[in-house]
Amino acid sequence: MRHSRLLAFLTAPLLLLGGCAGVTPDVYATEKPVLDLYEYFDGRVDAWGYFADRSGKVVRRFTVTIEGSKRDDALELDEHFTYADSTTSRRVWTIHRTGAHTYTGTAGDVIGLAQGRAYGNALQWNYRLAFEVDGRTYHVNFDDWMYLQDATVMLNHSVMSKFGVRLGEVVLAFRKA
């Protein structure tokens, strides 16, 4: 009896952690419309978004103009950000389809390769970003989800973390021109 209690005590945390596993993109496999990243981002896409800190306070609002173009087997996204305080920035992504449901991506401030998986109307990206705040650069992790709503609208929700601690979130709404 004592042995079984000890075993239950030791395995209970593992079972609880297993229940905390996140959603995977394949659960959206039957959702429509089906997201084809190359098709959606070919041409101009506009976006509106914000960054909220871990308390939920919106600390930065922005708009993005994205010019997408297909080149050989790659998709290039030239993103121009304009922030509410009138500052600007730019990020250029190069994305490659690596399988029926998988993508990789690179950008100047992305550390290593971004890994993407798409099923149905959803895409999940995971990547590390060199993020600058007040003159200091931090390497943060992004768990980035996109959900195609119809042929022109896509919603995006990203959680930013470091060492497993949630730092904040980015929310975006995209509209294909």
C-alpha atoms as a PDB file:
ATOM      1  CA  MET A   1       0.000   0.000   0.000  1.00  0.00           C
ATOM      2  CA  ARG A   2       2.775   2.393   0.922  1.00  0.00           C
ATOM      3  CA  HIS A   3       4.587   1.672  -2.331  1.00  0.00           C
ATOM      4  CA  SER A   4       1.482   2.453  -4.417  1.00  0.00           C
ATOM      5  CA  ARG A   5       0.976   5.794  -2.585  1.00  0.00           C
ATOM      6  CA  LEU A   6       4.583   6.745  -3.253  1.00  0.00           C
ATOM      7  CA  LEU A   7       4.194   5.791  -6.910  1.00  0.00           C
ATOM      8  CA  ALA A   8       0.976   7.842  -7.160  1.00  0.00           C
ATOM      9  CA  PHE A   9       2.672  10.796  -5.467  1.00  0.00           C
ATOM     10  CA  LEU A  10       5.611  10.668  -7.892  1.00  0.00           C
ATOM     11  CA  THR A  11       3.573  10.194 -11.074  1.00  0.00           C
ATOM     12  CA  ALA A  12       0.783  12.711 -10.347  1.00  0.00           C
ATOM     13  CA  PRO A  13       2.918  15.746 -11.335  1.00  0.00           C
ATOM     14  CA  LEU A  14       3.828  14.059 -14.620  1.00  0.00           C
ATOM     15  CA  LEU A  15       0.181  13.424 -15.420  1.00  0.00           C
ATOM     16  CA  LEU A  16      -0.700  17.012 -14.577  1.00  0.00           C
ATOM     17  CA  LEU A  17       2.102  18.326 -16.796  1.00  0.00           C
ATOM     18  CA  GLY A  18       0.896  16.119 -19.629  1.00  0.00           C
ATOM     19  CA  GLY A  19      -2.520  17.757 -19.309  1.00  0.00           C
ATOM     20  CA  CYS A  20      -0.865  21.164 -19.787  1.00  0.00           C
ATOM     21  CA  ALA A  21       0.469  20.319 -23.232  1.00  0.00           C
ATOM     22  CA  GLY A  22      -0.476  23.010 -25.731  1.00  0.00           C
ATOM     23  CA  VAL A  23      -2.684  22.803 -28.766  1.00  0.00           C
ATOM     24  CA  THR A  24      -0.970  21.582 -31.914  1.00  0.00           C
ATOM     25  CA  PRO A  25      -1.817  22.915 -35.392  1.00  0.00           C
ATOM     26  CA  ASP A  26      -3.103  19.564 -36.647  1.00  0.00           C
ATOM     27  CA  VAL A  27      -6.298  19.972 -34.574  1.00  0.00           C
ATOM     28  CA  TYR A  28      -7.322  22.588 -37.185  1.00  0.00           C
ATOM     29  CA  ALA A  29      -6.804  20.223 -40.155  1.00  0.00           C
ATOM     30  CA  THR A  30     -10.487  20.281 -41.172  1.00  0.00           C
ATOM     31  CA  GLU A  31     -11.014  24.028 -40.703  1.00  0.00           C
ATOM     32  CA  LYS A  32     -11.776  26.135 -43.762  1.00  0.00           C
ATOM     33  CA  PRO A  33     -10.644  28.132 -45.589  1.00  0.00           C
ATOM     34  CA  VAL A  34      -7.317  26.351 -45.914  1.00  0.00           C
ATOM     35  CA  LEU A  35      -4.375  28.686 -45.377  1.00  0.00           C
ATOM     36  CA  ASP A  36      -1.773  28.704 -48.148  1.00  0.00           C
ATOM     37  CA  LEU A  37       0.897  31.077 -46.867  1.00  0.00           C
ATOM     38  CA  TYR A  38       2.350  31.664 -50.349  1.00  0.00           C
ATOM     39  CA  GLU A  39      -1.052  32.556 -51.776  1.00  0.00           C
ATOM     40  CA  TYR A  40      -2.218  34.761 -48.888  1.00  0.00           C
ATOM     41  CA  PHE A  41       0.957  36.847 -48.701  1.00  0.00           C
ATOM     42  CA  ASP A  42       1.520  37.205 -52.452  1.00  0.00           C
ATOM     43  CA  GLY A  43       1.033  40.940 -52.995  1.00  0.00           C
ATOM     44  CA  ARG A  44       0.123  43.627 -50.468  1.00  0.00           C
ATOM     45  CA  VAL A  45      -1.221  42.861 -47.005  1.00  0.00           C
ATOM     46  CA  ASP A  46      -1.971  45.501 -44.351  1.00  0.00           C
ATOM     47  CA  ALA A  47      -2.030  44.797 -40.622  1.00  0.00           C
ATOM     48  CA  TRP A  48      -2.936  46.539 -37.367  1.00  0.00           C
ATOM     49  CA  GLY A  49      -1.683  45.374 -34.010  1.00  0.00           C
ATOM     50  CA  TYR A  50      -0.437  45.943 -30.520  1.00  0.00           C
ATOM     51  CA  PHE A  51       1.941  44.591 -27.915  1.00  0.00           C
ATOM     52  CA  ALA A  52       0.556  44.070 -24.399  1.00  0.00           C
ATOM     53  CA  ASP A  53       2.776  43.402 -21.401  1.00  0.00           C
ATOM     54  CA  ARG A  54       2.236  40.443 -19.072  1.00  0.00           C
ATOM     55  CA  SER A  55      -0.411  42.392 -17.102  1.00  0.00           C
ATOM     56  CA  GLY A  56      -2.415  42.903 -20.289  1.00  0.00           C
ATOM     57  CA  LYS A  57      -1.656  46.624 -20.611  1.00  0.00           C
ATOM     58  CA  VAL A  58      -1.226  47.717 -24.228  1.00  0.00           C
ATOM     59  CA  VAL A  59       2.197  49.358 -24.355  1.00  0.00           C
ATOM     60  CA  ARG A  60       2.775  49.682 -28.109  1.00  0.00           C
ATOM     61  CA  ARG A  61       0.407  50.011 -31.066  1.00  0.00           C
ATOM     62  CA  PHE A  62       1.472  49.734 -34.706  1.00  0.00           C
ATOM     63  CA  THR A  63       0.476  49.247 -38.321  1.00  0.00           C
ATOM     64  CA  VAL A  64       2.320  47.100 -40.853  1.00  0.00           C
ATOM     65  CA  THR A  65       2.444  47.207 -44.632  1.00  0.00           C
ATOM     66  CA  ILE A  66       3.647  43.909 -46.070  1.00  0.00           C
ATOM     67  CA  GLU A  67       4.742  43.394 -49.655  1.00  0.00           C
ATOM     68  CA  GLY A  68       4.948  39.694 -50.434  1.00  0.00           C
ATOM     69  CA  SER A  69       6.524  38.111 -53.475  1.00  0.00           C
ATOM     70  CA  LYS A  70       7.166  34.544 -54.556  1.00  0.00           C
ATOM     71  CA  ARG A  71      10.679  33.892 -55.831  1.00  0.00           C
ATOM     72  CA  ASP A  72      11.506  30.394 -57.033  1.00  0.00           C
ATOM     73  CA  ASP A  73      10.574  28.206 -54.048  1.00  0.00           C
ATOM     74  CA  ALA A  74      10.680  31.056 -51.501  1.00  0.00           C
ATOM     75  CA  LEU A  75       8.215  33.636 -50.234  1.00  0.00           C
ATOM     76  CA  GLU A  76       9.705  37.007 -49.325  1.00  0.00           C
ATOM     77  CA  LEU A  77       7.795  39.317 -46.986  1.00  0.00           C
ATOM     78  CA  ASP A  78       8.991  42.914 -46.757  1.00  0.00           C
ATOM     79  CA  GLU A  79       7.339  44.295 -43.609  1.00  0.00           C
ATOM     80  CA  HIS A  80       7.268  48.032 -42.813  1.00  0.00           C
ATOM     81  CA  PHE A  81       6.139  48.870 -39.260  1.00  0.00           C
ATOM     82  CA  THR A  82       4.862  52.293 -38.162  1.00  0.00           C
ATOM     83  CA  TYR A  83       4.354  52.702 -34.411  1.00  0.00           C
ATOM     84  CA  ALA A  84       1.914  55.042 -32.658  1.00  0.00           C
ATOM     85  CA  ASP A  85       4.866  57.238 -31.576  1.00  0.00           C
ATOM     86  CA  SER A  86       5.751  57.682 -35.307  1.00  0.00           C
ATOM     87  CA  THR A  87       8.903  55.520 -35.157  1.00  0.00           C
ATOM     88  CA  THR A  88       9.368  52.938 -37.889  1.00  0.00           C
ATOM     89  CA  SER A  89      11.135  49.636 -38.435  1.00  0.00           C
ATOM     90  CA  ARG A  90      11.480  47.013 -41.121  1.00  0.00           C
ATOM     91  CA  ARG A  91      11.768  43.218 -41.173  1.00  0.00           C
ATOM     92  CA  VAL A  92      12.280  41.063 -44.272  1.00  0.00           C
ATOM     93  CA  TRP A  93      11.278  37.414 -43.985  1.00  0.00           C
ATOM     94  CA  THR A  94      12.358  34.671 -46.361  1.00  0.00           C
ATOM     95  CA  ILE A  95      10.072  31.653 -46.023  1.00  0.00           C
ATOM     96  CA  HIS A  96      10.489  28.184 -47.527  1.00  0.00           C
ATOM     97  CA  ARG A  97       7.894  25.424 -47.719  1.00  0.00           C
ATOM     98  CA  THR A  98       9.698  22.301 -46.466  1.00  0.00           C
ATOM     99  CA  GLY A  99       6.834  19.797 -46.565  1.00  0.00           C
ATOM    100  CA  ALA A 100       3.091  19.447 -46.989  1.00  0.00           C
ATOM    101  CA  HIS A 101       2.489  21.216 -43.666  1.00  0.00           C
ATOM    102  CA  THR A 102       5.865  22.689 -42.716  1.00  0.00           C
ATOM    103  CA  TYR A 103       7.758  25.921 -43.307  1.00  0.00           C
ATOM    104  CA  THR A 104      11.023  27.511 -42.233  1.00  0.00           C
ATOM    105  CA  GLY A 105      11.729  31.205 -42.140  1.00  0.00           C
ATOM    106  CA  THR A 106      14.583  33.614 -41.600  1.00  0.00           C
ATOM    107  CA  ALA A 107      14.776  37.351 -40.946  1.00  0.00           C
ATOM    108  CA  GLY A 108      17.533  39.687 -39.830  1.00  0.00           C
ATOM    109  CA  ASP A 109      16.392  39.756 -36.195  1.00  0.00           C
ATOM    110  CA  VAL A 110      15.335  36.101 -35.998  1.00  0.00           C
ATOM    111  CA  ILE A 111      17.923  33.885 -34.316  1.00  0.00           C
ATOM    112  CA  GLY A 112      18.308  30.654 -36.255  1.00  0.00           C
ATOM    113  CA  LEU A 113      15.334  29.286 -38.174  1.00  0.00           C
ATOM    114  CA  ALA A 114      11.682  29.968 -37.500  1.00  0.00           C
ATOM    115  CA  GLN A 115       9.741  26.697 -37.655  1.00  0.00           C
ATOM    116  CA  GLY A 116       6.160  26.718 -38.934  1.00  0.00           C
ATOM    117  CA  ARG A 117       3.389  24.127 -39.169  1.00  0.00           C
ATOM    118  CA  ALA A 118       0.133  24.749 -41.022  1.00  0.00           C
ATOM    119  CA  TYR A 119      -3.064  22.692 -40.989  1.00  0.00           C
ATOM    120  CA  GLY A 120      -6.469  23.814 -42.209  1.00  0.00           C
ATOM    121  CA  ASN A 121      -6.855  27.541 -41.515  1.00  0.00           C
ATOM    122  CA  ALA A 122      -4.091  27.731 -38.874  1.00  0.00           C
ATOM    123  CA  LEU A 123      -0.350  28.260 -38.849  1.00  0.00           C
ATOM    124  CA  GLN A 124       1.926  28.081 -35.818  1.00  0.00           C
ATOM    125  CA  TRP A 125       5.395  29.664 -35.895  1.00  0.00           C
ATOM    126  CA  ASN A 126       8.054  29.166 -33.234  1.00  0.00           C
ATOM    127  CA  TYR A 127      11.159  31.326 -33.258  1.00  0.00           C
ATOM    128  CA  ARG A 128      13.622  33.384 -31.215  1.00  0.00           C
ATOM    129  CA  LEU A 129      13.778  37.086 -31.860  1.00  0.00           C
ATOM    130  CA  ALA A 130      16.454  39.651 -30.969  1.00  0.00           C
ATOM    131  CA  PHE A 131      14.201  42.255 -29.367  1.00  0.00           C
ATOM    132  CA  GLU A 132      15.495  45.729 -28.494  1.00  0.00           C
ATOM    133  CA  VAL A 133      14.175  47.682 -25.513  1.00  0.00           C
ATOM    134  CA  ASP A 134      15.764  50.930 -24.294  1.00  0.00           C
ATOM    135  CA  GLY A 135      19.018  50.256 -26.119  1.00  0.00           C
ATOM    136  CA  ARG A 136      19.408  46.681 -24.829  1.00  0.00           C
ATOM    137  CA  THR A 137      18.868  43.580 -26.946  1.00  0.00           C
ATOM    138  CA  TYR A 138      17.016  40.586 -25.493  1.00  0.00           C
ATOM    139  CA  HIS A 139      16.541  37.177 -27.082  1.00  0.00           C
ATOM    140  CA  VAL A 140      12.915  36.185 -26.617  1.00  0.00           C
ATOM    141  CA  ASN A 141      10.824  33.228 -27.760  1.00  0.00           C
ATOM    142  CA  PHE A 142       7.680  33.609 -29.828  1.00  0.00           C
ATOM    143  CA  ASP A 143       4.793  31.141 -30.046  1.00  0.00           C
ATOM    144  CA  ASP A 144       2.999  32.728 -32.977  1.00  0.00           C
ATOM    145  CA  TRP A 145      -0.431  31.597 -34.264  1.00  0.00           C
ATOM    146  CA  MET A 146      -2.235  32.777 -37.415  1.00  0.00           C
ATOM    147  CA  TYR A 147      -5.852  31.932 -38.260  1.00  0.00           C
ATOM    148  CA  LEU A 148      -7.271  32.585 -41.732  1.00  0.00           C
ATOM    149  CA  GLN A 149     -10.849  33.851 -41.405  1.00  0.00           C
ATOM    150  CA  ASP A 150     -11.704  34.284 -45.081  1.00  0.00           C
ATOM    151  CA  ALA A 151      -9.866  35.085 -48.317  1.00  0.00           C
ATOM    152  CA  THR A 152      -8.822  38.541 -47.065  1.00  0.00           C
ATOM    153  CA  VAL A 153      -8.746  38.504 -43.237  1.00  0.00           C
ATOM    154  CA  MET A 154      -6.306  36.685 -40.972  1.00  0.00           C
ATOM    155  CA  LEU A 155      -5.926  37.044 -37.194  1.00  0.00           C
ATOM    156  CA  ASN A 156      -2.639  36.591 -35.344  1.00  0.00           C
ATOM    157  CA  HIS A 157      -1.860  36.000 -31.668  1.00  0.00           C
ATOM    158  CA  SER A 158       1.703  35.613 -30.385  1.00  0.00           C
ATOM    159  CA  VAL A 159       2.986  34.927 -26.901  1.00  0.00           C
ATOM    160  CA  MET A 160       6.439  36.252 -26.110  1.00  0.00           C
ATOM    161  CA  SER A 161       8.453  34.540 -23.349  1.00  0.00           C
ATOM    162  CA  LYS A 162      11.936  34.173 -21.929  1.00  0.00           C
ATOM    163  CA  PHE A 163      13.077  31.232 -19.786  1.00  0.00           C
ATOM    164  CA  GLY A 164       9.473  29.991 -19.858  1.00  0.00           C
ATOM    165  CA  VAL A 165       8.143  33.221 -18.325  1.00  0.00           C
ATOM    166  CA  ARG A 166       5.427  34.999 -20.301  1.00  0.00           C
ATOM    167  CA  LEU A 167       6.521  38.566 -21.081  1.00  0.00           C
ATOM    168  CA  GLY A 168       3.538  39.673 -23.128  1.00  0.00           C
ATOM    169  CA  GLU A 169       1.596  39.140 -26.299  1.00  0.00           C
ATOM    170  CA  VAL A 170       1.237  40.561 -29.781  1.00  0.00           C
ATOM    171  CA  VAL A 171      -2.168  40.699 -31.456  1.00  0.00           C
ATOM    172  CA  LEU A 172      -2.549  41.491 -35.158  1.00  0.00           C
ATOM    173  CA  ALA A 173      -5.332  41.658 -37.745  1.00  0.00           C
ATOM    174  CA  PHE A 174      -4.250  41.238 -41.383  1.00  0.00           C
ATOM    175  CA  ARG A 175      -6.206  42.317 -44.467  1.00  0.00           C
ATOM    176  CA  LYS A 176      -5.135  41.275 -47.954  1.00  0.00           C
ATOM    177  CA  ALA A 177      -5.466  44.118 -50.443  1.00  0.00           C
END
